[in-house]
């Protein structure tokens, strides 16, 4: 029993570490998503505590990491994110609750292009604003990680649901015989 528990611990620790990394990626990318989604299409609970942390990170990213650089581009990005958050909220009130409460919203780009566009925009922006460019670059990478993780989790859930359906059909055939 002790040996079996010791064998599971590394996997549990690895899973916890992966969950922490994904959580950090989700936090880092949440404000970027505000600009990449059609207003009002987020589920009512999608912009949660991670969005608050992301909003704060956007505010302090430049001054904390690049104290000698001009903070104005980051401040403008923060103000724009704040305005877009309000636009999403107001549009969501008019839309109603048609989507799942944790729905990540309808993209303005092809979904797999979002991280690429964000990272490329970040690399271009580095030429005139190191803080904003680095934020966009890291947020784009984080968005790619977050989206990949979510797609993997969705595939696993669908696979489990399909297996459960097959099992139930088998049991039903057994009862009918």
Foldseek 3Di string as FASTA:
>chain_A
DVVVVVVCVVVVVVVVVLVVLLLVLCLLQVLVLLVFADAQFFAQPQCDVSVVSNLVCLQCQCCVPPVPFDCVVSVVSSVVSVVSVVRNVVSNVVVDRPDDNNHSHHGPDPVVCSLVVQLVVLVVCCVPGVRSSVSSNSSSVSSNSNVVVVVVVVVVVVVVVVVVVVVVVVVVVVVVD
